[in-house]
């Protein structure tokens, strides 16, 4: 099993941003609902930080979704990125 953390952090960033936008919330609004700073939300959405379990819970409550749904979104993005990376082969130069 590949345990590359950066791919999970990137998938979480995309998933969080997508779920926030789906909920029609600004970073500031989600931050207030989750009792974190807007700067921290920005760091999460750009992959500069990763959440703890308690933060995942607070974010999911702030988004009004189940924690498992947020994790499922992360998994979908991670799996899609992994498949894309696996299917990209070496470039064959054209004549």
Protein backbone atom coordinates (compact mmCIF):
# COMPACT_ATOMS: atom_id res chain seq x y z
CA UNK A 1 0.00 0.00 0.00
CA UNK A 2 1.29 3.42 -0.98
CA UNK A 3 1.24 5.76 2.01
CA UNK A 4 2.18 8.97 0.26
CA UNK A 5 0.65 11.60 2.45
CA UNK A 6 0.88 14.45 -0.05
CA UNK A 7 -1.62 12.83 -2.40
CA UNK A 8 -4.12 12.47 0.45
CA UNK A 9 -3.56 16.06 1.57
CA UNK A 10 -4.10 17.27 -2.01
CA UNK A 11 -7.27 15.16 -2.33
CA UNK A 12 -8.55 16.55 0.97
CA UNK A 13 -7.87 20.11 -0.22
CA UNK A 14 -9.92 19.58 -3.38
CA UNK A 15 -12.70 17.76 -1.54
CA UNK A 16 -13.01 20.40 1.18
CA UNK A 17 -13.09 23.24 -1.31
CA UNK A 18 -15.70 21.41 -3.39
CA UNK A 19 -17.92 20.61 -0.42
CA UNK A 20 -17.66 24.18 0.84
CA UNK A 21 -18.62 25.56 -2.55
CA UNK A 22 -21.47 23.05 -2.83
CA UNK A 23 -22.74 24.33 0.52
CA UNK A 24 -22.42 27.88 -0.87
CA UNK A 25 -20.18 28.98 1.99
CA UNK A 26 -17.20 31.30 2.00
CA UNK A 27 -14.05 30.24 3.78
CA UNK A 28 -14.94 32.73 6.50
CA UNK A 29 -18.42 31.28 6.96
CA UNK A 30 -17.12 27.73 7.20
CA UNK A 31 -14.41 28.84 9.59
CA UNK A 32 -16.99 30.41 11.88
CA UNK A 33 -19.21 27.32 11.77
CA UNK A 34 -16.26 25.00 12.47
CA UNK A 35 -14.70 27.29 15.10
CA UNK A 36 -11.38 27.61 13.26
CA UNK A 37 -9.75 30.55 11.52
CA UNK A 38 -10.42 31.46 7.91
CA UNK A 39 -6.65 31.30 7.41
CA UNK A 40 -6.68 27.67 8.55
CA UNK A 41 -9.46 26.87 6.06
CA UNK A 42 -7.30 28.47 3.36
CA UNK A 43 -4.30 26.39 4.45
CA UNK A 44 -6.43 23.22 4.32
CA UNK A 45 -7.78 24.07 0.87
CA UNK A 46 -4.31 24.73 -0.51
CA UNK A 47 -2.78 21.61 1.03
CA UNK A 48 -0.49 23.55 3.35
CA UNK A 49 -2.03 21.90 6.42
CA UNK A 50 -3.86 18.67 7.15
CA UNK A 51 -6.74 18.22 9.56
CA UNK A 52 -6.92 16.27 12.78
CA UNK A 53 -9.86 13.98 13.45
CA UNK A 54 -11.49 16.62 15.62
CA UNK A 55 -11.07 19.17 12.82
CA UNK A 56 -12.61 16.75 10.31
CA UNK A 57 -15.58 16.41 12.62
CA UNK A 58 -15.93 20.18 13.08
CA UNK A 59 -15.64 20.79 9.33
CA UNK A 60 -18.27 18.19 8.51
CA UNK A 61 -20.64 19.69 11.08
CA UNK A 62 -19.94 23.15 9.65
CA UNK A 63 -20.74 21.85 6.17
CA UNK A 64 -23.88 20.11 7.49
CA UNK A 65 -22.72 16.75 6.14
CA UNK A 66 -21.69 13.52 7.81
CA UNK A 67 -18.00 13.06 8.49
CA UNK A 68 -18.08 9.87 6.42
CA UNK A 69 -19.37 11.87 3.44
CA UNK A 70 -16.45 14.28 3.67
CA UNK A 71 -14.05 11.35 3.87
CA UNK A 72 -15.79 9.67 0.91
CA UNK A 73 -15.26 12.84 -1.14
CA UNK A 74 -11.57 12.78 -0.23
CA UNK A 75 -11.35 9.12 -1.21
CA UNK A 76 -13.04 9.78 -4.58
CA UNK A 77 -10.57 12.57 -5.39
CA UNK A 78 -7.62 10.51 -4.19
CA UNK A 79 -8.67 7.45 -6.19
CA UNK A 80 -9.27 9.53 -9.31
CA UNK A 81 -5.83 11.14 -9.01
CA UNK A 82 -4.21 7.77 -8.40
CA UNK A 83 -5.88 6.25 -11.47
CA UNK A 84 -4.86 9.26 -13.58
CA UNK A 85 -1.25 8.95 -12.40
CA UNK A 86 -1.22 5.20 -13.05
CA UNK A 87 -2.57 5.53 -16.59
CA UNK A 88 -0.12 8.17 -17.70
CA UNK A 89 2.68 6.35 -19.45
CA UNK A 90 5.91 7.56 -20.94
CA UNK A 91 5.61 10.12 -23.67
CA UNK A 92 6.40 8.74 -27.08
CA UNK A 93 7.87 11.44 -29.31
CA UNK A 94 6.04 11.99 -32.58
CA UNK A 95 7.94 12.27 -35.85
